[in-house]
């Protein structure tokens, strides 16, 4: 059930080149899809989409909302007040600007700068993300991470979305472990999951690290600044299909019936199994 099917490969071959630009050999990459972390070789044009010089220039671009950036220092969020500037005419709904000088000071003090709206700010990155959405059929959120030399960004954690991390400048040491729960539905929050690495690598410019959702990981820049693009593939699961069907498509008659009078004495698993049987029967009924 977890392996990639021949149909998956055929679909990806026919949908465009974006995934191949990020991972090179898509057949080899798909052997790891949703299963295990992997390192792949990206096309050189990926790095040209958002070079270090462009990232640094964005920090000094006047008028960008403060929400375009997020900062982490020693794994902890940096308050927005440390890198925001009030508008000349503040008011309700008028978001503060990002203070470029303050952003640079925080970076020089060891903070990782996360470019949250990089798709909106950089058309070349948006084109990559849009192509990936077309190839995979899932939404893609993209951010860029600029980490000073010798520093780490986020604390050890796992994500609910699978990630393709494309190294642009410098290098970063990564450790990735196996998930304690396969395909988790809840974020790890402030917890720092302990894990034994199943993959340890130094990611260099032109390489892409694939981290399946739920796999704990941690990274740190080496002896030079690190810049990477992160393409997060937003999951759409079978649970989402069922919830969407019931919410949008209407509830079939068998699911509108009251539970039996003895339902309080029956297990949740038993009731769920009967609900699934009723939904299956409704989907097979021409009337429904």
Protein backbone atom coordinates (compact mmCIF):
# COMPACT_ATOMS: atom_id res chain seq x y z
CA UNK A 1 0.00 0.00 0.00
CA UNK A 2 2.91 2.36 0.69
CA UNK A 3 4.95 1.55 -2.42
CA UNK A 4 4.85 3.77 -5.49
CA UNK A 5 2.85 2.28 -8.34
CA UNK A 6 3.61 2.13 -12.05
CA UNK A 7 0.63 4.43 -12.57
CA UNK A 8 2.30 7.02 -10.30
CA UNK A 9 5.42 6.97 -12.45
CA UNK A 10 3.46 7.23 -15.68
CA UNK A 11 1.46 10.14 -14.31
CA UNK A 12 4.60 12.02 -13.29
CA UNK A 13 6.30 11.39 -16.63
CA UNK A 14 3.34 12.92 -18.42
CA UNK A 15 2.75 15.96 -16.24
CA UNK A 16 5.82 18.12 -16.76
CA UNK A 17 9.47 18.62 -15.80
CA UNK A 18 9.27 20.47 -12.48
CA UNK A 19 9.80 17.44 -10.23
CA UNK A 20 12.72 16.32 -12.40
CA UNK A 21 14.32 19.74 -12.01
CA UNK A 22 14.24 19.32 -8.24
CA UNK A 23 15.20 15.63 -7.89
CA UNK A 24 16.81 14.56 -11.19
CA UNK A 25 15.86 10.90 -11.69
CA UNK A 26 12.14 10.79 -10.83
CA UNK A 27 11.99 6.98 -10.96
CA UNK A 28 14.74 6.71 -8.33
CA UNK A 29 13.11 9.42 -6.26
CA UNK A 30 9.70 7.73 -6.32
CA UNK A 31 11.18 4.65 -4.66
CA UNK A 32 11.40 6.85 -1.54
CA UNK A 33 8.09 8.71 -1.94
CA UNK A 34 6.17 8.73 1.39
CA UNK A 35 8.54 6.06 2.71
CA UNK A 36 12.11 7.18 3.39
CA UNK A 37 14.38 10.24 3.20
CA UNK A 38 16.72 10.60 0.24
CA UNK A 39 19.27 12.95 -1.32
CA UNK A 40 18.93 13.79 -5.03
CA UNK A 41 20.65 16.02 -7.57
CA UNK A 42 18.75 19.11 -8.71
CA UNK A 43 19.03 20.99 -11.98
CA UNK A 44 21.46 23.98 -11.86
CA UNK A 45 18.64 26.38 -12.73
CA UNK A 46 17.00 25.75 -9.33
CA UNK A 47 19.83 27.61 -7.58
CA UNK A 48 19.54 30.45 -10.09
CA UNK A 49 15.90 30.98 -9.13
CA UNK A 50 16.84 32.46 -5.73
CA UNK A 51 20.57 33.12 -5.29
CA UNK A 52 22.04 34.45 -2.06
CA UNK A 53 22.36 37.95 -3.51
CA UNK A 54 18.62 38.03 -4.21
CA UNK A 55 17.82 36.89 -0.69
CA UNK A 56 20.00 39.59 0.85
CA UNK A 57 18.47 42.24 -1.40
CA UNK A 58 14.98 41.28 -0.23
CA UNK A 59 16.00 41.99 3.36
CA UNK A 60 16.59 45.62 2.41
CA UNK A 61 13.53 46.03 0.21
CA UNK A 62 11.44 48.83 1.74
CA UNK A 63 7.73 48.37 2.32
CA UNK A 64 7.59 44.59 2.80
CA UNK A 65 5.12 43.51 5.51
CA UNK A 66 6.71 42.01 8.59
CA UNK A 67 4.77 38.77 7.97
CA UNK A 68 7.03 38.13 4.95
CA UNK A 69 9.68 36.99 7.43
CA UNK A 70 9.96 34.72 10.45
CA UNK A 71 13.07 34.46 12.63
CA UNK A 72 14.45 31.68 14.80
CA UNK A 73 17.29 32.04 17.28
CA UNK A 74 18.59 28.88 18.98
CA UNK A 75 15.45 27.15 17.73
CA UNK A 76 13.08 29.61 19.40
CA UNK A 77 10.93 32.20 17.58
CA UNK A 78 12.19 35.79 17.66
CA UNK A 79 9.39 38.27 18.53
CA UNK A 80 8.24 40.34 15.54
CA UNK A 81 8.80 43.51 17.55
CA UNK A 82 12.55 42.97 17.19
CA UNK A 83 12.49 43.33 13.38
CA UNK A 84 9.38 45.39 12.60
CA UNK A 85 8.91 49.10 11.92
CA UNK A 86 5.65 50.95 12.50
CA UNK A 87 3.92 52.62 9.59
CA UNK A 88 3.82 56.40 9.49
CA UNK A 89 0.07 56.12 9.57
CA UNK A 90 -0.79 53.09 11.73
CA UNK A 91 -4.32 51.86 12.21
CA UNK A 92 -6.48 48.74 12.43
CA UNK A 93 -5.43 46.14 9.87
CA UNK A 94 -2.32 48.08 8.82
CA UNK A 95 0.49 45.62 9.33
CA UNK A 96 3.94 46.93 10.36
CA UNK A 97 6.78 46.92 7.87
CA UNK A 98 9.85 44.69 8.10
CA UNK A 99 12.91 46.61 9.31
CA UNK A 100 15.76 45.55 6.99
CA UNK A 101 18.52 46.81 9.27
CA UNK A 102 17.02 44.94 12.24
CA UNK A 103 16.74 41.77 10.15
CA UNK A 104 20.43 41.95 9.27
CA UNK A 105 21.40 42.61 12.90
CA UNK A 106 19.42 39.57 14.03
CA UNK A 107 21.04 37.46 11.31
CA UNK A 108 24.51 38.59 12.35
CA UNK A 109 23.54 37.66 15.92
CA UNK A 110 22.87 34.07 14.85
CA UNK A 111 19.20 34.13 13.87
CA UNK A 112 17.87 32.11 10.94
CA UNK A 113 15.70 34.20 8.61
CA UNK A 114 12.76 32.42 7.00
CA UNK A 115 11.33 34.05 3.88
CA UNK A 116 7.65 33.12 4.25
CA UNK A 117 6.25 34.73 1.08
CA UNK A 118 8.98 33.77 -1.35
CA UNK A 119 6.48 32.62 -3.99
CA UNK A 120 4.86 36.03 -3.97
CA UNK A 121 8.18 37.90 -3.97
CA UNK A 122 10.16 35.86 -6.50
CA UNK A 123 8.43 34.87 -9.78
CA UNK A 124 11.09 32.27 -10.61
CA UNK A 125 10.41 30.42 -7.36
CA UNK A 126 6.67 30.66 -7.91
CA UNK A 127 7.12 29.09 -11.35
CA UNK A 128 9.00 26.15 -9.78
CA UNK A 129 6.34 25.67 -7.10
CA UNK A 130 3.49 25.98 -9.61
CA UNK A 131 5.10 23.36 -11.84
CA UNK A 132 5.51 21.05 -8.87
CA UNK A 133 1.82 21.47 -8.03
CA UNK A 134 0.91 20.49 -11.58
CA UNK A 135 3.21 17.45 -11.50
CA UNK A 136 2.08 16.11 -8.13
CA UNK A 137 -1.52 17.30 -7.97
CA UNK A 138 -1.01 18.67 -4.44
CA UNK A 139 -0.66 22.22 -3.15
CA UNK A 140 2.88 23.41 -2.46
CA UNK A 141 4.00 25.93 0.16
CA UNK A 142 7.48 27.36 -0.38
CA UNK A 143 9.82 29.15 2.03
CA UNK A 144 13.54 29.97 2.01
CA UNK A 145 15.83 29.51 5.02
CA UNK A 146 18.93 31.69 5.49
CA UNK A 147 21.07 30.40 8.37
CA UNK A 148 24.33 32.01 9.58
CA UNK A 149 27.47 29.90 9.58
CA UNK A 150 27.70 27.49 12.51
CA UNK A 151 24.08 27.94 13.55
CA UNK A 152 20.97 25.78 13.47
CA UNK A 153 17.49 26.92 12.52
CA UNK A 154 14.51 25.04 13.87
CA UNK A 155 14.74 22.63 16.77
CA UNK A 156 14.43 18.89 16.04
CA UNK A 157 10.86 18.36 14.84
CA UNK A 158 8.69 16.68 12.24
CA UNK A 159 6.32 18.25 9.74
CA UNK A 160 2.84 17.26 8.56
CA UNK A 161 3.89 17.96 4.96
CA UNK A 162 6.65 16.21 3.04
CA UNK A 163 9.52 18.52 2.14
CA UNK A 164 11.92 18.94 -0.76
CA UNK A 165 14.86 21.01 0.54
CA UNK A 166 16.99 22.42 -2.28
CA UNK A 167 20.40 23.72 -1.18
CA UNK A 168 21.24 27.02 -2.89
CA UNK A 169 24.31 28.37 -1.09
CA UNK A 170 26.69 26.98 1.51
CA UNK A 171 26.05 23.62 3.08
CA UNK A 172 23.98 22.19 5.90
CA UNK A 173 24.36 19.06 8.02
CA UNK A 174 21.10 17.11 8.27
CA UNK A 175 19.98 14.19 10.40
CA UNK A 176 16.67 12.45 9.64
CA UNK A 177 15.03 9.69 11.66
CA UNK A 178 12.16 7.27 11.33
CA UNK A 179 8.73 8.46 12.50
CA UNK A 180 7.33 7.28 15.81
CA UNK A 181 3.89 7.38 14.14
CA UNK A 182 3.45 6.89 10.43
CA UNK A 183 1.86 9.88 8.66
CA UNK A 184 0.86 11.76 11.85
CA UNK A 185 -2.21 13.99 11.81
CA UNK A 186 -1.11 16.26 14.68
CA UNK A 187 1.96 18.58 14.77
CA UNK A 188 4.70 17.95 17.31
CA UNK A 189 4.31 21.50 18.68
CA UNK A 190 7.03 22.48 21.12
CA UNK A 191 8.14 18.89 21.69
CA UNK A 192 11.62 17.92 20.52
CA UNK A 193 11.33 14.35 19.28
CA UNK A 194 14.37 12.22 20.05
CA UNK A 195 15.44 9.98 17.19
CA UNK A 196 18.20 7.75 15.88
CA UNK A 197 19.27 8.98 12.43
CA UNK A 198 18.53 6.76 9.46
CA UNK A 199 20.09 9.35 7.15
CA UNK A 200 22.94 11.77 7.92
CA UNK A 201 24.26 13.99 5.16
CA UNK A 202 25.94 17.27 4.37
CA UNK A 203 23.65 18.91 1.81
CA UNK A 204 25.62 20.93 -0.73
CA UNK A 205 24.58 23.40 -3.46
CA UNK A 206 22.68 21.64 -6.22
CA UNK A 207 21.42 18.84 -3.97
CA UNK A 208 17.88 18.23 -2.74
CA UNK A 209 16.94 16.47 0.50
CA UNK A 210 13.56 14.75 0.55
CA UNK A 211 12.02 14.39 4.04
CA UNK A 212 8.72 12.46 4.11
CA UNK A 213 6.04 13.82 6.39
CA UNK A 214 6.30 12.73 10.00
CA UNK A 215 10.04 11.99 9.87
CA UNK A 216 11.90 13.89 12.64
CA UNK A 217 14.86 15.93 11.46
CA UNK A 218 17.36 18.59 12.45
CA UNK A 219 19.85 20.69 10.48
CA UNK A 220 22.74 23.07 11.11
CA UNK A 221 24.84 25.28 8.82
CA UNK A 222 28.50 24.41 8.44
CA UNK A 223 31.30 27.00 8.38
CA UNK A 224 29.57 29.28 5.87
CA UNK A 225 26.07 30.76 5.57
CA UNK A 226 23.44 28.36 4.32
CA UNK A 227 20.50 29.17 2.04
CA UNK A 228 17.96 26.58 0.96
CA UNK A 229 14.51 26.55 -0.59
CA UNK A 230 11.91 24.35 1.05
CA UNK A 231 9.00 23.04 -1.03
CA UNK A 232 6.38 21.58 1.33
CA UNK A 233 3.87 19.25 -0.35
CA UNK A 234 0.55 19.78 1.39
CA UNK A 235 -1.02 16.35 2.00
CA UNK A 236 -4.52 15.44 0.84
CA UNK A 237 -5.45 12.10 2.37
CA UNK A 238 -8.30 9.61 2.11
CA UNK A 239 -9.74 11.14 5.27
CA UNK A 240 -9.89 14.49 3.47
CA UNK A 241 -11.75 12.86 0.58
CA UNK A 242 -14.36 11.40 2.91
CA UNK A 243 -14.78 14.62 4.87
CA UNK A 244 -15.10 16.62 1.67
CA UNK A 245 -17.62 14.17 0.23
CA UNK A 246 -19.85 14.38 3.28
CA UNK A 247 -19.44 18.15 3.66
CA UNK A 248 -19.90 19.14 0.01
CA UNK A 249 -21.60 16.20 -1.65
CA UNK A 250 -24.29 15.79 0.96
CA UNK A 251 -24.83 13.01 3.47
CA UNK A 252 -26.33 9.82 1.98
CA UNK A 253 -29.56 8.60 3.55
CA UNK A 254 -27.98 5.57 5.31
CA UNK A 255 -25.67 7.97 7.22
CA UNK A 256 -28.57 10.21 8.25
CA UNK A 257 -30.24 7.40 10.20
CA UNK A 258 -30.09 7.58 14.00
CA UNK A 259 -27.66 5.32 15.78
CA UNK A 260 -29.26 2.19 17.33
CA UNK A 261 -30.49 2.45 20.88
CA UNK A 262 -27.64 0.26 22.10
CA UNK A 263 -24.95 2.48 20.57
CA UNK A 264 -23.67 3.66 23.96
CA UNK A 265 -22.58 0.11 24.74
CA UNK A 266 -20.76 -0.44 21.44
CA UNK A 267 -17.12 0.44 20.73
CA UNK A 268 -16.11 3.35 18.54
CA UNK A 269 -14.38 0.91 16.18
CA UNK A 270 -17.56 -1.16 15.77
CA UNK A 271 -19.67 1.92 15.05
CA UNK A 272 -17.09 3.26 12.58
CA UNK A 273 -17.04 -0.07 10.75
CA UNK A 274 -20.82 0.00 10.33
CA UNK A 275 -20.67 3.64 9.14
CA UNK A 276 -18.12 2.65 6.49
CA UNK A 277 -20.32 -0.26 5.38
CA UNK A 278 -23.28 2.10 5.09
CA UNK A 279 -21.29 4.62 3.06
CA UNK A 280 -20.00 1.87 0.77
CA UNK A 281 -23.53 0.63 0.17
CA UNK A 282 -24.75 4.18 -0.54
CA UNK A 283 -21.97 4.79 -3.09
CA UNK A 284 -22.96 1.59 -4.91
CA UNK A 285 -26.62 2.57 -5.02
CA UNK A 286 -27.74 4.23 -8.26
CA UNK A 287 -30.29 6.26 -6.30
CA UNK A 288 -27.52 7.84 -4.20
